[in-house]
Amino acid sequence: MIITTTPGVEGKTIREYKGIVFGEVISGVNFLKDFAAGLTNFFGGRSGSYEGELIQAREAALAEMEKRAAALGANAVVGVDIDYEVLGQGGNMLMVTASGTAVVVG
């Protein structure tokens, strides 16, 4: 499956549009990650715990989107966009949404 942010795939022709597909992930951040991030915020530097959580959520959202595109018979997703949102009381939930257009290229 080809996944790209561009409106097409170089060297390929879009033969069929299958529709818009989404992948959504809502991930909770636990107390230990909050505590570690708080220390990083106090002392400076990057928060590896939050970065790891963000990477996992993004990869899961892309995988979900790819699965839904394949279920439609697509072999590529073009125009992919990834959005991030903080949810929940205290902002302790992270939502990652990946969206794009499922297509058949040849």
N, C-alpha and C. Protein backbone atom coordinates (compact mmCIF):
# COMPACT_ATOMS: atom_id res chain seq x y z
N MET A 1 0.86 -1.18 0.00
CA MET A 1 0.00 0.00 0.00
C MET A 1 0.90 1.24 0.00
N ILE A 2 0.66 2.12 -0.94
CA ILE A 2 1.38 3.39 -1.01
C ILE A 2 0.58 4.41 -0.21
N ILE A 3 1.24 5.08 0.70
CA ILE A 3 0.60 6.13 1.49
C ILE A 3 1.42 7.40 1.32
N THR A 4 0.76 8.47 0.85
CA THR A 4 1.50 9.69 0.56
C THR A 4 0.66 10.94 0.87
N THR A 5 1.35 12.01 1.19
CA THR A 5 0.67 13.29 1.44
C THR A 5 0.40 14.04 0.15
N THR A 6 0.99 13.61 -0.94
CA THR A 6 0.81 14.28 -2.23
C THR A 6 -0.54 13.89 -2.85
N PRO A 7 -1.04 14.68 -3.80
CA PRO A 7 -2.35 14.39 -4.39
C PRO A 7 -2.34 13.23 -5.39
N GLY A 8 -1.18 12.70 -5.69
CA GLY A 8 -1.06 11.58 -6.61
C GLY A 8 0.21 10.82 -6.31
N VAL A 9 0.46 9.77 -7.09
CA VAL A 9 1.67 8.97 -6.94
C VAL A 9 2.49 9.14 -8.21
N GLU A 10 3.68 9.67 -8.07
CA GLU A 10 4.53 9.95 -9.23
C GLU A 10 4.73 8.68 -10.06
N GLY A 11 4.52 8.83 -11.37
CA GLY A 11 4.71 7.72 -12.28
C GLY A 11 3.51 6.77 -12.36
N LYS A 12 2.48 7.04 -11.59
CA LYS A 12 1.28 6.19 -11.57
C LYS A 12 0.06 7.03 -11.92
N THR A 13 -0.94 6.39 -12.47
CA THR A 13 -2.19 7.04 -12.80
C THR A 13 -3.27 6.57 -11.83
N ILE A 14 -4.03 7.51 -11.30
CA ILE A 14 -5.16 7.11 -10.45
C ILE A 14 -6.24 6.58 -11.37
N ARG A 15 -6.59 5.33 -11.19
CA ARG A 15 -7.57 4.66 -12.05
C ARG A 15 -8.97 4.68 -11.44
N GLU A 16 -9.02 4.74 -10.10
CA GLU A 16 -10.33 4.70 -9.44
C GLU A 16 -10.21 5.33 -8.05
N TYR A 17 -11.21 6.13 -7.72
CA TYR A 17 -11.31 6.72 -6.38
C TYR A 17 -12.27 5.87 -5.57
N LYS A 18 -11.83 5.43 -4.40
CA LYS A 18 -12.64 4.56 -3.54
C LYS A 18 -13.33 5.34 -2.42
N GLY A 19 -12.84 6.52 -2.10
CA GLY A 19 -13.45 7.32 -1.06
C GLY A 19 -12.46 7.75 0.01
N ILE A 20 -12.95 8.58 0.91
CA ILE A 20 -12.12 9.08 2.01
C ILE A 20 -12.06 8.02 3.10
N VAL A 21 -10.87 7.81 3.62
CA VAL A 21 -10.68 6.84 4.71
C VAL A 21 -10.02 7.54 5.89
N PHE A 22 -10.33 7.03 7.08
CA PHE A 22 -9.81 7.59 8.32
C PHE A 22 -9.22 6.49 9.19
N GLY A 23 -8.30 6.89 10.03
CA GLY A 23 -7.78 6.06 11.10
C GLY A 23 -7.73 6.92 12.34
N GLU A 24 -8.39 6.49 13.41
CA GLU A 24 -8.43 7.28 14.63
C GLU A 24 -7.89 6.47 15.80
N VAL A 25 -7.12 7.13 16.63
CA VAL A 25 -6.60 6.51 17.85
C VAL A 25 -6.74 7.51 18.98
N ILE A 26 -7.29 7.05 20.09
CA ILE A 26 -7.32 7.86 21.31
C ILE A 26 -6.49 7.13 22.34
N SER A 27 -5.48 7.79 22.83
CA SER A 27 -4.52 7.16 23.72
C SER A 27 -4.45 7.93 25.04
N GLY A 28 -4.50 7.21 26.13
CA GLY A 28 -4.37 7.83 27.45
C GLY A 28 -2.92 7.90 27.87
N VAL A 29 -2.57 8.95 28.56
CA VAL A 29 -1.22 9.10 29.09
C VAL A 29 -1.30 8.83 30.58
N ASN A 30 -0.51 7.88 31.05
CA ASN A 30 -0.63 7.47 32.45
C ASN A 30 0.19 8.34 33.40
N PHE A 31 0.02 8.08 34.68
CA PHE A 31 0.65 8.88 35.73
C PHE A 31 2.17 8.91 35.60
N LEU A 32 2.79 7.76 35.32
CA LEU A 32 4.26 7.72 35.25
C LEU A 32 4.79 8.58 34.11
N LYS A 33 4.10 8.54 32.97
CA LYS A 33 4.52 9.38 31.85
C LYS A 33 4.33 10.85 32.18
N ASP A 34 3.21 11.18 32.85
CA ASP A 34 2.98 12.57 33.28
C ASP A 34 4.09 13.03 34.23
N PHE A 35 4.45 12.16 35.16
CA PHE A 35 5.48 12.50 36.14
C PHE A 35 6.83 12.72 35.45
N ALA A 36 7.19 11.80 34.54
CA ALA A 36 8.47 11.93 33.81
C ALA A 36 8.48 13.18 32.94
N ALA A 37 7.33 13.48 32.31
CA ALA A 37 7.26 14.68 31.48
C ALA A 37 7.36 15.93 32.34
N GLY A 38 6.79 15.89 33.53
CA GLY A 38 6.89 17.02 34.45
C GLY A 38 8.33 17.29 34.85
N LEU A 39 9.10 16.24 35.10
CA LEU A 39 10.51 16.41 35.41
C LEU A 39 11.27 17.00 34.23
N THR A 40 10.96 16.53 33.04
CA THR A 40 11.60 17.06 31.84
C THR A 40 11.26 18.53 31.68
N ASN A 41 10.01 18.88 31.94
CA ASN A 41 9.58 20.28 31.85
C ASN A 41 10.34 21.13 32.85
N PHE A 42 10.56 20.62 34.05
CA PHE A 42 11.25 21.36 35.10
C PHE A 42 12.74 21.51 34.78
N PHE A 43 13.38 20.42 34.36
CA PHE A 43 14.83 20.44 34.13
C PHE A 43 15.22 20.78 32.70
N GLY A 44 14.27 20.73 31.78
CA GLY A 44 14.55 21.02 30.38
C GLY A 44 14.83 19.76 29.59
N GLY A 45 14.76 19.88 28.30
CA GLY A 45 15.02 18.73 27.43
C GLY A 45 13.76 18.21 26.78
N ARG A 46 13.91 17.09 26.11
CA ARG A 46 12.79 16.46 25.39
C ARG A 46 12.13 15.42 26.26
N SER A 47 10.83 15.24 26.06
CA SER A 47 10.08 14.24 26.82
C SER A 47 9.97 12.97 26.00
N GLY A 48 10.85 12.03 26.28
CA GLY A 48 10.85 10.76 25.56
C GLY A 48 9.57 9.97 25.76
N SER A 49 8.97 10.06 26.95
CA SER A 49 7.75 9.30 27.20
C SER A 49 6.60 9.81 26.35
N TYR A 50 6.44 11.12 26.25
CA TYR A 50 5.38 11.68 25.41
C TYR A 50 5.68 11.48 23.94
N GLU A 51 6.94 11.62 23.54
CA GLU A 51 7.30 11.40 22.14
C GLU A 51 7.00 9.97 21.72
N GLY A 52 7.31 9.02 22.58
CA GLY A 52 7.03 7.61 22.29
C GLY A 52 5.54 7.37 22.15
N GLU A 53 4.74 7.95 23.03
CA GLU A 53 3.29 7.81 22.97
C GLU A 53 2.74 8.41 21.67
N LEU A 54 3.27 9.56 21.28
CA LEU A 54 2.85 10.22 20.05
C LEU A 54 3.19 9.38 18.82
N ILE A 55 4.38 8.83 18.79
CA ILE A 55 4.80 7.99 17.66
C ILE A 55 3.92 6.76 17.55
N GLN A 56 3.66 6.10 18.67
CA GLN A 56 2.80 4.90 18.66
C GLN A 56 1.40 5.24 18.17
N ALA A 57 0.84 6.34 18.65
CA ALA A 57 -0.52 6.73 18.25
C ALA A 57 -0.57 7.06 16.76
N ARG A 58 0.42 7.78 16.25
CA ARG A 58 0.45 8.12 14.84
C ARG A 58 0.56 6.87 13.97
N GLU A 59 1.45 5.96 14.33
CA GLU A 59 1.62 4.73 13.56
C GLU A 59 0.34 3.88 13.58
N ALA A 60 -0.34 3.84 14.72
CA ALA A 60 -1.59 3.07 14.82
C ALA A 60 -2.69 3.70 13.97
N ALA A 61 -2.77 5.03 13.95
CA ALA A 61 -3.77 5.72 13.13
C ALA A 61 -3.52 5.48 11.65
N LEU A 62 -2.26 5.53 11.23
CA LEU A 62 -1.93 5.25 9.83
C LEU A 62 -2.24 3.81 9.46
N ALA A 63 -1.95 2.87 10.36
CA ALA A 63 -2.24 1.46 10.10
C ALA A 63 -3.75 1.23 9.98
N GLU A 64 -4.53 1.87 10.84
CA GLU A 64 -5.99 1.75 10.77
C GLU A 64 -6.52 2.32 9.46
N MET A 65 -6.00 3.46 9.04
CA MET A 65 -6.41 4.06 7.78
C MET A 65 -6.06 3.13 6.61
N GLU A 66 -4.86 2.57 6.63
CA GLU A 66 -4.43 1.64 5.58
C GLU A 66 -5.34 0.42 5.52
N LYS A 67 -5.70 -0.12 6.67
CA LYS A 67 -6.59 -1.28 6.73
C LYS A 67 -7.95 -0.97 6.12
N ARG A 68 -8.48 0.20 6.41
CA ARG A 68 -9.78 0.59 5.86
C ARG A 68 -9.70 0.82 4.35
N ALA A 69 -8.58 1.36 3.87
CA ALA A 69 -8.40 1.55 2.43
C ALA A 69 -8.32 0.19 1.73
N ALA A 70 -7.60 -0.75 2.30
CA ALA A 70 -7.48 -2.08 1.71
C ALA A 70 -8.84 -2.77 1.66
N ALA A 71 -9.66 -2.56 2.68
CA ALA A 71 -11.00 -3.17 2.70
C ALA A 71 -11.87 -2.64 1.56
N LEU A 72 -11.56 -1.44 1.07
CA LEU A 72 -12.29 -0.87 -0.06
C LEU A 72 -11.72 -1.31 -1.41
N GLY A 73 -10.59 -2.03 -1.38
CA GLY A 73 -9.96 -2.48 -2.62
C GLY A 73 -8.93 -1.51 -3.16
N ALA A 74 -8.50 -0.56 -2.35
CA ALA A 74 -7.51 0.43 -2.78
C ALA A 74 -6.10 -0.15 -2.64
N ASN A 75 -5.18 0.40 -3.44
CA ASN A 75 -3.77 0.02 -3.29
C ASN A 75 -2.90 1.24 -2.95
N ALA A 76 -3.56 2.38 -2.69
CA ALA A 76 -2.84 3.60 -2.29
C ALA A 76 -3.80 4.53 -1.56
N VAL A 77 -3.22 5.39 -0.75
CA VAL A 77 -3.97 6.47 -0.10
C VAL A 77 -3.20 7.75 -0.38
N VAL A 78 -3.87 8.72 -1.01
CA VAL A 78 -3.23 9.98 -1.38
C VAL A 78 -3.82 11.12 -0.55
N GLY A 79 -3.08 12.24 -0.52
CA GLY A 79 -3.56 13.42 0.20
C GLY A 79 -3.68 13.21 1.69
N VAL A 80 -2.80 12.40 2.26
CA VAL A 80 -2.89 12.05 3.68
C VAL A 80 -2.60 13.26 4.56
N ASP A 81 -3.43 13.40 5.60
CA ASP A 81 -3.27 14.46 6.60
C ASP A 81 -3.36 13.81 7.97
N ILE A 82 -2.52 14.26 8.88
CA ILE A 82 -2.54 13.75 10.25
C ILE A 82 -2.82 14.91 11.18
N ASP A 83 -3.82 14.72 12.05
CA ASP A 83 -4.21 15.74 13.02
C ASP A 83 -4.05 15.21 14.43
N TYR A 84 -3.72 16.11 15.36
CA TYR A 84 -3.54 15.77 16.76
C TYR A 84 -4.46 16.63 17.60
N GLU A 85 -5.02 16.05 18.64
CA GLU A 85 -5.90 16.78 19.54
C GLU A 85 -5.72 16.24 20.96
N VAL A 86 -5.76 17.13 21.93
CA VAL A 86 -5.70 16.74 23.34
C VAL A 86 -7.12 16.74 23.88
N LEU A 87 -7.49 15.63 24.53
CA LEU A 87 -8.85 15.46 25.05
C LEU A 87 -8.83 15.13 26.54
N GLY A 88 -10.01 15.11 27.13
CA GLY A 88 -10.17 14.66 28.51
C GLY A 88 -9.91 15.76 29.51
N GLN A 89 -10.44 15.54 30.71
CA GLN A 89 -10.17 16.50 31.78
C GLN A 89 -8.69 16.47 32.11
N GLY A 90 -8.10 17.62 32.15
CA GLY A 90 -6.67 17.71 32.42
C GLY A 90 -5.81 17.43 31.21
N GLY A 91 -6.42 17.23 30.05
CA GLY A 91 -5.66 17.01 28.82
C GLY A 91 -4.81 15.76 28.84
N ASN A 92 -5.33 14.68 29.45
CA ASN A 92 -4.51 13.46 29.59
C ASN A 92 -4.80 12.41 28.53
N MET A 93 -5.54 12.79 27.49
CA MET A 93 -5.82 11.87 26.38
C MET A 93 -5.33 12.52 25.08
N LEU A 94 -4.78 11.72 24.22
CA LEU A 94 -4.28 12.20 22.94
C LEU A 94 -5.06 11.52 21.82
N MET A 95 -5.64 12.31 20.91
CA MET A 95 -6.32 11.75 19.76
C MET A 95 -5.50 12.07 18.52
N VAL A 96 -5.23 11.05 17.73
CA VAL A 96 -4.52 11.20 16.46
C VAL A 96 -5.45 10.68 15.37
N THR A 97 -5.67 11.50 14.35
CA THR A 97 -6.51 11.12 13.23
C THR A 97 -5.70 11.22 11.94
N ALA A 98 -5.71 10.15 11.16
CA ALA A 98 -5.09 10.14 9.84
C ALA A 98 -6.22 10.01 8.82
N SER A 99 -6.18 10.84 7.79
CA SER A 99 -7.21 10.77 6.75
C SER A 99 -6.58 10.96 5.38
N GLY A 100 -7.23 10.41 4.39
CA GLY A 100 -6.75 10.52 3.02
C GLY A 100 -7.78 9.94 2.06
N THR A 101 -7.46 9.94 0.80
CA THR A 101 -8.34 9.39 -0.23
C THR A 101 -7.80 8.05 -0.69
N ALA A 102 -8.62 7.03 -0.54
CA ALA A 102 -8.25 5.68 -0.99
C ALA A 102 -8.44 5.62 -2.51
N VAL A 103 -7.42 5.14 -3.20
CA VAL A 103 -7.45 5.07 -4.65
C VAL A 103 -6.84 3.77 -5.15
N VAL A 104 -7.11 3.49 -6.41
CA VAL A 104 -6.43 2.41 -7.11
C VAL A 104 -5.53 3.07 -8.14
N VAL A 105 -4.23 2.79 -8.04
CA VAL A 105 -3.28 3.34 -9.00
C VAL A 105 -2.71 2.22 -9.85
N GLY A 106 -2.29 2.58 -11.03
CA GLY A 106 -1.70 1.57 -11.91
C GLY A 106 -0.68 2.18 -12.82
